[in-house]
Amino acid sequence: MSIALADEKPDIQQKGSRANFSWRVLEPWNERRLAAFLMVKHRRNETDWTRRPSPFFATLGRSHVECSVPLAGAESIAEIEKLLTIELRGILAGAERVHQEILNSRNIPGETPS
């Protein structure tokens, strides 16, 4: 199955001057899918793998991607949600490509590229 969002709308919790976002993905993170996500979330673009900070995190065995960011004000939550969702979709698309490359290059038994 592909690495993609199950829902476009994250669960949002605001705590003081921070907002916590949680998006569901289609299936729980396994080692290879999580590795692909971690490889992609920190790179700047397709050609520049220089590490950059990323607010997104995921945990092995869970079906979520989470993010915690500071807020300028409560009115900015909708705009931040939109921007973060767009960025996360791009990261997941890149992670899907890397995951497929991993599977194709190793011919891993029991896992077929989707």
C-alpha atoms as a PDB file:
ATOM      1  CA  MET A   1       0.000   0.000   0.000  1.00  0.00           C
ATOM      2  CA  SER A   2       1.182   3.506  -0.692  1.00  0.00           C
ATOM      3  CA  ILE A   3       2.436   6.045   1.810  1.00  0.00           C
ATOM      4  CA  ALA A   4      -0.397   8.568   1.787  1.00  0.00           C
ATOM      5  CA  LEU A   5      -2.814  10.429   4.003  1.00  0.00           C
ATOM      6  CA  ALA A   6      -6.004   8.643   5.042  1.00  0.00           C
ATOM      7  CA  ASP A   7      -7.615  12.024   5.811  1.00  0.00           C
ATOM      8  CA  GLU A   8      -6.696  15.464   4.491  1.00  0.00           C
ATOM      9  CA  LYS A   9      -7.960  17.114   7.689  1.00  0.00           C
ATOM     10  CA  PRO A  10      -5.719  16.693  10.735  1.00  0.00           C
ATOM     11  CA  ASP A  11      -6.832  16.464  14.332  1.00  0.00           C
ATOM     12  CA  ILE A  12      -5.800  19.804  15.880  1.00  0.00           C
ATOM     13  CA  GLN A  13      -5.250  20.601  19.534  1.00  0.00           C
ATOM     14  CA  GLN A  14      -4.245  24.068  20.632  1.00  0.00           C
ATOM     15  CA  LYS A  15      -2.330  24.332  23.893  1.00  0.00           C
ATOM     16  CA  GLY A  16      -1.449  27.911  24.754  1.00  0.00           C
ATOM     17  CA  SER A  17       0.841  29.334  22.106  1.00  0.00           C
ATOM     18  CA  ARG A  18       1.335  25.964  20.325  1.00  0.00           C
ATOM     19  CA  ALA A  19      -0.817  23.869  18.037  1.00  0.00           C
ATOM     20  CA  ASN A  20      -0.480  20.108  17.716  1.00  0.00           C
ATOM     21  CA  PHE A  21      -1.542  18.533  14.418  1.00  0.00           C
ATOM     22  CA  SER A  22      -2.068  14.814  13.794  1.00  0.00           C
ATOM     23  CA  TRP A  23      -2.781  13.342  10.342  1.00  0.00           C
ATOM     24  CA  ARG A  24      -3.785   9.701   9.799  1.00  0.00           C
ATOM     25  CA  VAL A  25      -1.894   7.706   7.165  1.00  0.00           C
ATOM     26  CA  LEU A  26      -3.291   4.709   5.294  1.00  0.00           C
ATOM     27  CA  GLU A  27      -1.405   2.069   7.265  1.00  0.00           C
ATOM     28  CA  PRO A  28       0.923   1.871  10.279  1.00  0.00           C
ATOM     29  CA  TRP A  29       4.592   2.726   9.781  1.00  0.00           C
ATOM     30  CA  ASN A  30       6.890  -0.267   9.310  1.00  0.00           C
ATOM     31  CA  GLU A  31      10.696  -0.025   9.339  1.00  0.00           C
ATOM     32  CA  ARG A  32      11.183   0.568   5.599  1.00  0.00           C
ATOM     33  CA  ARG A  33       8.303   3.005   5.167  1.00  0.00           C
ATOM     34  CA  LEU A  34       9.381   4.973   8.249  1.00  0.00           C
ATOM     35  CA  ALA A  35      12.988   5.049   7.016  1.00  0.00           C
ATOM     36  CA  ALA A  36      11.831   6.462   3.668  1.00  0.00           C
ATOM     37  CA  PHE A  37       9.757   9.107   5.487  1.00  0.00           C
ATOM     38  CA  LEU A  38      12.696  10.107   7.684  1.00  0.00           C
ATOM     39  CA  MET A  39      15.039  10.317   4.691  1.00  0.00           C
ATOM     40  CA  VAL A  40      12.690  12.619   2.780  1.00  0.00           C
ATOM     41  CA  LYS A  41      11.322  14.876   5.517  1.00  0.00           C
ATOM     42  CA  HIS A  42      14.722  16.438   6.213  1.00  0.00           C
ATOM     43  CA  ARG A  43      15.953  17.065   2.667  1.00  0.00           C
ATOM     44  CA  ARG A  44      15.597  20.407   0.961  1.00  0.00           C
ATOM     45  CA  ASN A  45      14.537  19.152  -2.493  1.00  0.00           C
ATOM     46  CA  GLU A  46      15.047  16.306  -4.977  1.00  0.00           C
ATOM     47  CA  THR A  47      18.677  17.208  -5.657  1.00  0.00           C
ATOM     48  CA  ASP A  48      19.764  18.698  -2.321  1.00  0.00           C
ATOM     49  CA  TRP A  49      19.903  16.185   0.514  1.00  0.00           C
ATOM     50  CA  THR A  50      21.340  18.754   2.924  1.00  0.00           C
ATOM     51  CA  ARG A  51      19.562  18.269   6.222  1.00  0.00           C
ATOM     52  CA  ARG A  52      16.913  20.830   7.124  1.00  0.00           C
ATOM     53  CA  PRO A  53      14.699  21.005  10.198  1.00  0.00           C
ATOM     54  CA  SER A  54      11.268  19.417   9.943  1.00  0.00           C
ATOM     55  CA  PRO A  55       8.391  19.763  12.405  1.00  0.00           C
ATOM     56  CA  PHE A  56       6.886  16.400  11.369  1.00  0.00           C
ATOM     57  CA  PHE A  57       7.410  13.171  13.280  1.00  0.00           C
ATOM     58  CA  ALA A  58       6.115   9.618  13.033  1.00  0.00           C
ATOM     59  CA  THR A  59       6.460   6.537  15.211  1.00  0.00           C
ATOM     60  CA  LEU A  60       7.012   2.918  14.214  1.00  0.00           C
ATOM     61  CA  GLY A  61       3.782   0.931  14.384  1.00  0.00           C
ATOM     62  CA  ARG A  62       1.470   3.961  14.523  1.00  0.00           C
ATOM     63  CA  SER A  63      -0.751   5.284  11.730  1.00  0.00           C
ATOM     64  CA  HIS A  64      -0.117   8.983  12.263  1.00  0.00           C
ATOM     65  CA  VAL A  65       2.191  11.842  11.357  1.00  0.00           C
ATOM     66  CA  GLU A  66       2.315  14.535  13.989  1.00  0.00           C
ATOM     67  CA  CYS A  67       3.562  18.089  14.153  1.00  0.00           C
ATOM     68  CA  SER A  68       3.763  20.717  16.882  1.00  0.00           C
ATOM     69  CA  VAL A  69       4.311  24.357  15.914  1.00  0.00           C
ATOM     70  CA  PRO A  70       4.216  27.730  17.686  1.00  0.00           C
ATOM     71  CA  LEU A  71       1.296  30.046  16.917  1.00  0.00           C
ATOM     72  CA  ALA A  72       1.232  33.783  16.437  1.00  0.00           C
ATOM     73  CA  GLY A  73      -2.457  33.657  17.361  1.00  0.00           C
ATOM     74  CA  ALA A  74      -5.459  31.344  17.278  1.00  0.00           C
ATOM     75  CA  GLU A  75      -6.659  32.948  14.029  1.00  0.00           C
ATOM     76  CA  SER A  76      -3.603  31.557  12.205  1.00  0.00           C
ATOM     77  CA  ILE A  77      -4.467  27.871  12.797  1.00  0.00           C
ATOM     78  CA  ALA A  78      -6.436  27.414   9.541  1.00  0.00           C
ATOM     79  CA  GLU A  79      -3.645  28.883   7.394  1.00  0.00           C
ATOM     80  CA  ILE A  80      -0.968  26.868   9.190  1.00  0.00           C
ATOM     81  CA  GLU A  81      -3.044  23.694   8.783  1.00  0.00           C
ATOM     82  CA  LYS A  82      -3.304  24.308   5.028  1.00  0.00           C
ATOM     83  CA  LEU A  83       0.439  24.970   4.614  1.00  0.00           C
ATOM     84  CA  LEU A  84       1.487  21.996   6.749  1.00  0.00           C
ATOM     85  CA  THR A  85      -0.894  19.635   4.930  1.00  0.00           C
ATOM     86  CA  ILE A  86       0.513  20.712   1.550  1.00  0.00           C
ATOM     87  CA  GLU A  87       4.081  20.225   2.792  1.00  0.00           C
ATOM     88  CA  LEU A  88       3.249  16.843   4.338  1.00  0.00           C
ATOM     89  CA  ARG A  89       1.608  15.591   1.128  1.00  0.00           C
ATOM     90  CA  GLY A  90       4.823  16.441  -0.729  1.00  0.00           C
ATOM     91  CA  ILE A  91       6.953  14.673   1.872  1.00  0.00           C
ATOM     92  CA  LEU A  92       4.748  11.567   1.726  1.00  0.00           C
ATOM     93  CA  ALA A  93       4.880  11.512  -2.087  1.00  0.00           C
ATOM     94  CA  GLY A  94       8.682  11.661  -1.905  1.00  0.00           C
ATOM     95  CA  ALA A  95       8.733   8.986   0.791  1.00  0.00           C
ATOM     96  CA  GLU A  96       6.581   6.744  -1.410  1.00  0.00           C
ATOM     97  CA  ARG A  97       9.106   7.092  -4.275  1.00  0.00           C
ATOM     98  CA  VAL A  98      12.061   6.341  -1.959  1.00  0.00           C
ATOM     99  CA  HIS A  99      10.198   3.372  -0.450  1.00  0.00           C
ATOM    100  CA  GLN A 100       9.513   1.945  -3.912  1.00  0.00           C
ATOM    101  CA  GLU A 101      13.189   2.387  -4.829  1.00  0.00           C
ATOM    102  CA  ILE A 102      14.192   0.524  -1.660  1.00  0.00           C
ATOM    103  CA  LEU A 103      11.818  -2.354  -2.448  1.00  0.00           C
ATOM    104  CA  ASN A 104      12.800  -2.513  -6.126  1.00  0.00           C
ATOM    105  CA  SER A 105      16.542  -2.386  -5.452  1.00  0.00           C
ATOM    106  CA  ARG A 106      16.509  -5.143  -2.858  1.00  0.00           C
ATOM    107  CA  ASN A 107      13.807  -7.435  -4.213  1.00  0.00           C
ATOM    108  CA  ILE A 108      12.533  -7.848  -0.703  1.00  0.00           C
ATOM    109  CA  PRO A 109      10.536 -11.096  -0.288  1.00  0.00           C
ATOM    110  CA  GLY A 110       7.027 -10.731   1.051  1.00  0.00           C
ATOM    111  CA  GLU A 111       6.812  -7.060   0.031  1.00  0.00           C
ATOM    112  CA  THR A 112       5.706  -6.167  -3.429  1.00  0.00           C
ATOM    113  CA  PRO A 113       5.923  -2.663  -4.824  1.00  0.00           C
ATOM    114  CA  SER A 114       2.468  -1.116  -5.171  1.00  0.00           C
END
